[in-house]
Structures are given as structure tokens and as C-alpha cells.
Amino acid sequence: MQQFSQYLANHYWLVAAAAVMAVLVIVHEFRNRTAAFGSVSPTEAVRLVNSGAVLIDIRAREAFDAGHISGARNVPGAAIADGAKPLERFKDKAVIAYCDSGVTAGAAARHLGRLGFTKAYNLRGGLAAWRQENLPVVKD
């Protein structure tokens, strides 16, 4: 034990760096676990859609018409912020919200969860990740 305390005294910068790194790893893991809750990858989204999930495109109508995931419903973010009335009938189904990058849809998915949607998800990476996986996009 005396050697350990001697080591700590002689290498205090190394011990401090190890402690900081341990704290950073714990914080990073905690943030990943809480942020990943409610978000799905494009592959997981396909599996959920095949099981009956509803895709919600929260982008503006013009962006939706320019290209969207097949079968998605366009419900702008403002409608979700106003109580998500168009989605009331889907409260018990899995609902996957997406936008261009996944940031805005993450906030929409959290808001849907607060409104009582038991299975609200965010498409991690948004439509960009969907396209990167070479999954189909349709235009109106």
C-alpha cells in the first residue's frame, strides 16, 4: 500500500489524466445510452416498418415532394409541436420520425413521447443516412 501511495505522489499527472479519462468514458457511455434510446438506424427502421411502424416525415411539404421514404406521411414539425392531432390514431403503434439529418426529428420524437406515444423513434442520421444505405426514396 505504501508503494501505491508513493506511486500516486510521484506520478500525480499520470493519475489525474487516468481519472479524467475514466470520467470522460463514463460520461460518453451514459450520453450514448440515453441518446440512442428512441433512435433507430435505417436498417432497424426497415424492420420496424415491415412490422407495421408508421414513418413520419417532419420536413416541409416542398422537401417531402422532392424525395421521401416510400409510405411516409408528411406531418410538419409545427403540427407535432401543436399536439400531433394528425397522428392521434397511431399512439399505440411504432412511429418513426425523420428529417434531413435526424436532429429535428429527434426533438419531434421526444415530443411525441411526452404526448403519450409509447413507441416514438427517431431515424438516426435522417434521410441522409437512409440514402447513404442506398435505400429507396420516392418523389411526388
C-alpha atoms as a PDB file:
ATOM      1  CA  MET A   1       0.000   0.000   0.000  1.00  0.00           C
ATOM      2  CA  GLN A   2       2.888   2.300   0.744  1.00  0.00           C
ATOM      3  CA  GLN A   3       4.255   1.733  -2.767  1.00  0.00           C
ATOM      4  CA  PHE A   4       0.902   2.672  -4.265  1.00  0.00           C
ATOM      5  CA  SER A   5       0.749   5.942  -2.342  1.00  0.00           C
ATOM      6  CA  GLN A   6       4.353   6.608  -3.320  1.00  0.00           C
ATOM      7  CA  TYR A   7       3.430   5.977  -6.980  1.00  0.00           C
ATOM      8  CA  LEU A   8       0.486   8.383  -6.685  1.00  0.00           C
ATOM      9  CA  ALA A   9       2.729  11.037  -5.186  1.00  0.00           C
ATOM     10  CA  ASN A  10       5.446  10.631  -7.811  1.00  0.00           C
ATOM     11  CA  HIS A  11       3.121  10.426 -10.836  1.00  0.00           C
ATOM     12  CA  TYR A  12       0.248  12.699  -9.914  1.00  0.00           C
ATOM     13  CA  TRP A  13      -0.183  13.986 -13.510  1.00  0.00           C
ATOM     14  CA  LEU A  14      -0.495  10.458 -14.825  1.00  0.00           C
ATOM     15  CA  VAL A  15      -3.046   9.553 -12.143  1.00  0.00           C
ATOM     16  CA  ALA A  16      -5.007  12.753 -12.799  1.00  0.00           C
ATOM     17  CA  ALA A  17      -5.055  12.044 -16.541  1.00  0.00           C
ATOM     18  CA  ALA A  18      -6.286   8.489 -15.910  1.00  0.00           C
ATOM     19  CA  ALA A  19      -9.052   9.802 -13.633  1.00  0.00           C
ATOM     20  CA  VAL A  20     -10.133  12.386 -16.218  1.00  0.00           C
ATOM     21  CA  MET A  21     -10.170   9.730 -18.941  1.00  0.00           C
ATOM     22  CA  ALA A  22     -12.282   7.421 -16.766  1.00  0.00           C
ATOM     23  CA  VAL A  23     -14.803  10.206 -16.136  1.00  0.00           C
ATOM     24  CA  LEU A  24     -14.934  11.056 -19.857  1.00  0.00           C
ATOM     25  CA  VAL A  25     -15.563   7.421 -20.781  1.00  0.00           C
ATOM     26  CA  ILE A  26     -18.377   7.156 -18.222  1.00  0.00           C
ATOM     27  CA  VAL A  27     -19.989  10.396 -19.438  1.00  0.00           C
ATOM     28  CA  HIS A  28     -19.659   9.333 -23.072  1.00  0.00           C
ATOM     29  CA  GLU A  29     -21.246   5.942 -22.434  1.00  0.00           C
ATOM     30  CA  PHE A  30     -24.071   7.498 -20.435  1.00  0.00           C
ATOM     31  CA  ARG A  31     -24.811  10.027 -23.192  1.00  0.00           C
ATOM     32  CA  ASN A  32     -24.754   7.327 -25.863  1.00  0.00           C
ATOM     33  CA  ARG A  33     -27.168   5.154 -23.940  1.00  0.00           C
ATOM     34  CA  THR A  34     -29.623   7.966 -23.276  1.00  0.00           C
ATOM     35  CA  ALA A  35     -29.345   9.469 -26.770  1.00  0.00           C
ATOM     36  CA  ALA A  36     -29.679   6.117 -28.502  1.00  0.00           C
ATOM     37  CA  PHE A  37     -32.912   5.414 -26.655  1.00  0.00           C
ATOM     38  CA  GLY A  38     -35.647   6.179 -29.098  1.00  0.00           C
ATOM     39  CA  SER A  39     -33.468   6.334 -32.183  1.00  0.00           C
ATOM     40  CA  VAL A  40     -33.106   3.631 -34.811  1.00  0.00           C
ATOM     41  CA  SER A  41     -30.740   3.034 -37.692  1.00  0.00           C
ATOM     42  CA  PRO A  42     -32.086   2.811 -41.253  1.00  0.00           C
ATOM     43  CA  THR A  43     -31.846  -0.998 -41.111  1.00  0.00           C
ATOM     44  CA  GLU A  44     -33.786  -1.118 -37.852  1.00  0.00           C
ATOM     45  CA  ALA A  45     -36.333   1.291 -39.348  1.00  0.00           C
ATOM     46  CA  VAL A  46     -36.935  -1.077 -42.276  1.00  0.00           C
ATOM     47  CA  ARG A  47     -37.530  -3.915 -39.817  1.00  0.00           C
ATOM     48  CA  LEU A  48     -39.971  -1.795 -37.808  1.00  0.00           C
ATOM     49  CA  VAL A  49     -41.830  -0.618 -40.929  1.00  0.00           C
ATOM     50  CA  ASN A  50     -42.180  -4.233 -42.034  1.00  0.00           C
ATOM     51  CA  SER A  51     -43.730  -4.890 -38.609  1.00  0.00           C
ATOM     52  CA  GLY A  52     -46.275  -2.091 -39.027  1.00  0.00           C
ATOM     53  CA  ALA A  53     -44.454   1.066 -37.921  1.00  0.00           C
ATOM     54  CA  VAL A  54     -45.535   4.421 -39.334  1.00  0.00           C
ATOM     55  CA  LEU A  55     -42.964   6.721 -40.964  1.00  0.00           C
ATOM     56  CA  ILE A  56     -43.438  10.435 -40.327  1.00  0.00           C
ATOM     57  CA  ASP A  57     -41.564  12.959 -42.472  1.00  0.00           C
ATOM     58  CA  ILE A  58     -41.456  16.190 -40.486  1.00  0.00           C
ATOM     59  CA  ARG A  59     -39.891  18.300 -43.235  1.00  0.00           C
ATOM     60  CA  ALA A  60     -41.715  20.991 -45.195  1.00  0.00           C
ATOM     61  CA  ARG A  61     -44.060  19.887 -47.972  1.00  0.00           C
ATOM     62  CA  GLU A  62     -41.642  21.026 -50.701  1.00  0.00           C
ATOM     63  CA  ALA A  63     -38.837  18.876 -49.292  1.00  0.00           C
ATOM     64  CA  PHE A  64     -41.248  15.955 -48.915  1.00  0.00           C
ATOM     65  CA  ASP A  65     -42.298  16.251 -52.567  1.00  0.00           C
ATOM     66  CA  ALA A  66     -38.653  16.427 -53.672  1.00  0.00           C
ATOM     67  CA  GLY A  67     -38.000  12.986 -52.186  1.00  0.00           C
ATOM     68  CA  HIS A  68     -39.184  10.914 -49.248  1.00  0.00           C
ATOM     69  CA  ILE A  69     -39.239   7.365 -47.955  1.00  0.00           C
ATOM     70  CA  SER A  70     -41.961   5.277 -49.571  1.00  0.00           C
ATOM     71  CA  GLY A  71     -45.053   5.074 -47.399  1.00  0.00           C
ATOM     72  CA  ALA A  72     -44.100   8.058 -45.234  1.00  0.00           C
ATOM     73  CA  ARG A  73     -46.695  10.581 -44.124  1.00  0.00           C
ATOM     74  CA  ASN A  74     -45.838  14.268 -44.213  1.00  0.00           C
ATOM     75  CA  VAL A  75     -46.596  15.866 -40.854  1.00  0.00           C
ATOM     76  CA  PRO A  76     -44.564  19.073 -40.476  1.00  0.00           C
ATOM     77  CA  GLY A  77     -42.786  19.714 -37.200  1.00  0.00           C
ATOM     78  CA  ALA A  78     -45.172  22.574 -36.393  1.00  0.00           C
ATOM     79  CA  ALA A  79     -48.117  20.150 -36.414  1.00  0.00           C
ATOM     80  CA  ILE A  80     -46.282  17.898 -33.966  1.00  0.00           C
ATOM     81  CA  ALA A  81     -45.493  20.868 -31.729  1.00  0.00           C
ATOM     82  CA  ASP A  82     -49.216  21.775 -31.782  1.00  0.00           C
ATOM     83  CA  GLY A  83     -50.226  18.405 -30.344  1.00  0.00           C
ATOM     84  CA  ALA A  84     -49.793  15.971 -33.251  1.00  0.00           C
ATOM     85  CA  LYS A  85     -53.514  15.761 -33.994  1.00  0.00           C
ATOM     86  CA  PRO A  86     -52.990  14.020 -37.386  1.00  0.00           C
ATOM     87  CA  LEU A  87     -51.151  11.205 -35.576  1.00  0.00           C
ATOM     88  CA  GLU A  88     -53.600  10.508 -32.738  1.00  0.00           C
ATOM     89  CA  ARG A  89     -54.696   7.162 -34.206  1.00  0.00           C
ATOM     90  CA  PHE A  90     -51.100   5.888 -34.192  1.00  0.00           C
ATOM     91  CA  LYS A  91     -50.436   6.335 -30.452  1.00  0.00           C
ATOM     92  CA  ASP A  92     -50.118   2.595 -29.848  1.00  0.00           C
ATOM     93  CA  LYS A  93     -48.074   1.877 -32.986  1.00  0.00           C
ATOM     94  CA  ALA A  94     -44.376   2.402 -33.529  1.00  0.00           C
ATOM     95  CA  VAL A  95     -43.835   5.850 -35.058  1.00  0.00           C
ATOM     96  CA  ILE A  96     -40.529   6.753 -36.721  1.00  0.00           C
ATOM     97  CA  ALA A  97     -39.942  10.463 -37.317  1.00  0.00           C
ATOM     98  CA  TYR A  98     -37.294  11.647 -39.729  1.00  0.00           C
ATOM     99  CA  CYS A  99     -35.931  14.845 -41.211  1.00  0.00           C
ATOM    100  CA  ASP A 100     -32.874  15.565 -43.352  1.00  0.00           C
ATOM    101  CA  SER A 101     -30.231  14.939 -40.683  1.00  0.00           C
ATOM    102  CA  GLY A 102     -32.045  13.439 -37.694  1.00  0.00           C
ATOM    103  CA  VAL A 103     -31.613  16.396 -35.363  1.00  0.00           C
ATOM    104  CA  THR A 104     -35.056  17.992 -35.708  1.00  0.00           C
ATOM    105  CA  ALA A 105     -36.744  14.594 -35.818  1.00  0.00           C
ATOM    106  CA  GLY A 106     -35.057  13.670 -32.525  1.00  0.00           C
ATOM    107  CA  ALA A 107     -36.772  16.589 -30.828  1.00  0.00           C
ATOM    108  CA  ALA A 108     -40.049  15.632 -32.533  1.00  0.00           C
ATOM    109  CA  ALA A 109     -39.744  12.023 -31.325  1.00  0.00           C
ATOM    110  CA  ARG A 110     -39.127  13.197 -27.757  1.00  0.00           C
ATOM    111  CA  HIS A 111     -42.166  15.488 -28.001  1.00  0.00           C
ATOM    112  CA  LEU A 112     -44.289  12.609 -29.317  1.00  0.00           C
ATOM    113  CA  GLY A 113     -43.159  10.560 -26.322  1.00  0.00           C
ATOM    114  CA  ARG A 114     -44.317  13.336 -23.989  1.00  0.00           C
ATOM    115  CA  LEU A 115     -47.667  13.379 -25.826  1.00  0.00           C
ATOM    116  CA  GLY A 116     -48.247   9.716 -24.975  1.00  0.00           C
ATOM    117  CA  PHE A 117     -46.828   7.901 -27.995  1.00  0.00           C
ATOM    118  CA  THR A 118     -45.406   4.780 -26.397  1.00  0.00           C
ATOM    119  CA  LYS A 119     -43.117   3.824 -29.291  1.00  0.00           C
ATOM    120  CA  ALA A 120     -41.764   7.051 -30.788  1.00  0.00           C
ATOM    121  CA  TYR A 121     -38.414   6.750 -32.567  1.00  0.00           C
ATOM    122  CA  ASN A 122     -36.045   8.991 -34.476  1.00  0.00           C
ATOM    123  CA  LEU A 123     -34.363   7.805 -37.673  1.00  0.00           C
ATOM    124  CA  ARG A 124     -30.712   8.200 -36.681  1.00  0.00           C
ATOM    125  CA  GLY A 125     -28.984  10.290 -39.348  1.00  0.00           C
ATOM    126  CA  GLY A 126     -32.285  11.154 -41.024  1.00  0.00           C
ATOM    127  CA  LEU A 127     -32.897  10.911 -44.743  1.00  0.00           C
ATOM    128  CA  ALA A 128     -29.168  11.369 -45.381  1.00  0.00           C
ATOM    129  CA  ALA A 129     -28.394   8.107 -43.553  1.00  0.00           C
ATOM    130  CA  TRP A 130     -31.278   6.413 -45.401  1.00  0.00           C
ATOM    131  CA  ARG A 131     -29.787   7.457 -48.751  1.00  0.00           C
ATOM    132  CA  GLN A 132     -26.285   6.502 -47.633  1.00  0.00           C
ATOM    133  CA  GLU A 133     -27.564   2.946 -47.052  1.00  0.00           C
ATOM    134  CA  ASN A 134     -28.854   3.010 -50.677  1.00  0.00           C
ATOM    135  CA  LEU A 135     -32.447   2.557 -49.541  1.00  0.00           C
ATOM    136  CA  PRO A 136     -35.217   3.734 -51.876  1.00  0.00           C
ATOM    137  CA  VAL A 137     -36.553   7.277 -51.954  1.00  0.00           C
ATOM    138  CA  VAL A 138     -39.643   8.247 -53.981  1.00  0.00           C
ATOM    139  CA  LYS A 139     -40.692  11.621 -55.430  1.00  0.00           C
ATOM    140  CA  ASP A 140     -44.171  13.067 -55.863  1.00  0.00           C
END
